[in-house]
Amino acid sequence: MAAYIFRFLKPFVLLGVILGVIVFILNVLGLEIPMVVGTTTYRGTEAAIMELIGIPVALVLLGTIIGSIAYMSNNSQKY
């Protein structure tokens, strides 16, 4: 099961790291992308660091969910 899910997870991990680094670089270069958590808005370097960590984590969770659904779908077709 883990190997099956990992196959779906690899592209999401790569995409998350690439997007996180791009957003971090853009934020450092001056394109301010605010990060909103609850009712608090973070700006500047604090937002850049949160986005650098948050984007890959979110995509890993999304990849895990999609991989799990695909695994369950694949197993239900065998029976």
Protein backbone atom coordinates (compact mmCIF):
# COMPACT_ATOMS: atom_id res chain seq x y z
CA MET A 1 0.00 0.00 0.00
CA ALA A 2 2.75 2.47 0.95
CA ALA A 3 4.61 1.94 -2.34
CA TYR A 4 1.41 2.56 -4.29
CA ILE A 5 0.69 5.79 -2.43
CA PHE A 6 4.34 6.89 -2.70
CA ARG A 7 4.04 6.67 -6.49
CA PHE A 8 1.31 9.31 -6.37
CA LEU A 9 3.11 11.32 -3.71
CA LYS A 10 6.43 11.90 -5.55
CA PRO A 11 5.12 14.46 -8.08
CA PHE A 12 3.27 16.37 -5.36
CA VAL A 13 6.42 16.58 -3.22
CA LEU A 14 8.49 17.86 -6.14
CA LEU A 15 5.82 20.36 -7.16
CA GLY A 16 5.42 21.55 -3.56
CA VAL A 17 9.13 22.14 -3.07
CA ILE A 18 9.44 23.96 -6.40
CA LEU A 19 6.39 26.16 -5.75
CA GLY A 20 7.53 26.87 -2.18
CA VAL A 21 10.98 28.00 -3.33
CA ILE A 22 9.52 30.12 -6.16
CA VAL A 23 7.08 31.86 -3.81
CA PHE A 24 9.87 32.40 -1.26
CA ILE A 25 12.17 33.95 -3.89
CA LEU A 26 9.38 36.17 -5.22
CA ASN A 27 8.59 37.32 -1.69
CA VAL A 28 12.24 38.09 -0.96
CA LEU A 29 12.59 39.99 -4.24
CA GLY A 30 9.71 42.28 -3.34
CA LEU A 31 6.52 40.71 -4.67
CA GLU A 32 4.66 40.58 -1.40
CA ILE A 33 2.30 37.62 -1.11
CA PRO A 34 0.54 37.86 2.26
CA MET A 35 -0.21 34.72 4.26
CA VAL A 36 -3.53 34.63 6.11
CA VAL A 37 -3.98 32.19 8.98
CA GLY A 38 -7.31 32.55 10.73
CA THR A 39 -7.73 36.27 11.31
CA THR A 40 -4.02 37.11 11.29
CA THR A 41 -2.28 38.34 8.15
CA TYR A 42 1.47 37.77 7.91
CA ARG A 43 3.63 39.82 5.53
CA GLY A 44 7.26 40.00 4.50
CA THR A 45 9.84 37.45 5.57
CA GLU A 46 7.53 35.84 8.10
CA ALA A 47 4.98 35.10 5.35
CA ALA A 48 7.73 33.89 2.99
CA ILE A 49 9.00 31.35 5.50
CA MET A 50 5.48 30.14 6.29
CA GLU A 51 4.78 29.72 2.56
CA LEU A 52 8.09 27.93 2.05
CA ILE A 53 7.00 25.35 4.60
CA GLY A 54 3.22 25.42 4.12
CA ILE A 55 2.96 24.87 0.36
CA PRO A 56 4.93 21.59 0.32
CA VAL A 57 3.11 20.30 3.41
CA ALA A 58 -0.28 21.06 1.84
CA LEU A 59 0.66 19.32 -1.41
CA VAL A 60 2.02 16.28 0.46
CA LEU A 61 -1.33 15.98 2.25
CA LEU A 62 -3.16 16.35 -1.06
CA GLY A 63 -0.95 13.69 -2.66
CA THR A 64 -1.52 11.31 0.24
CA ILE A 65 -5.29 11.73 -0.02
CA ILE A 66 -5.28 11.21 -3.80
CA GLY A 67 -2.98 8.18 -3.48
CA SER A 68 -5.20 6.64 -0.81
CA ILE A 69 -8.32 7.13 -2.91
CA ALA A 70 -6.59 5.67 -5.97
CA TYR A 71 -5.41 2.67 -3.92
CA MET A 72 -8.88 2.00 -2.56
CA SER A 73 -10.36 2.37 -6.05
CA ASN A 74 -7.78 0.00 -7.52
CA ASN A 75 -8.42 -2.63 -4.83
CA SER A 76 -12.21 -2.45 -5.17
CA GLN A 77 -11.96 -3.25 -8.89
CA LYS A 78 -10.06 -6.50 -8.20
CA TYR A 79 -12.93 -8.08 -6.23
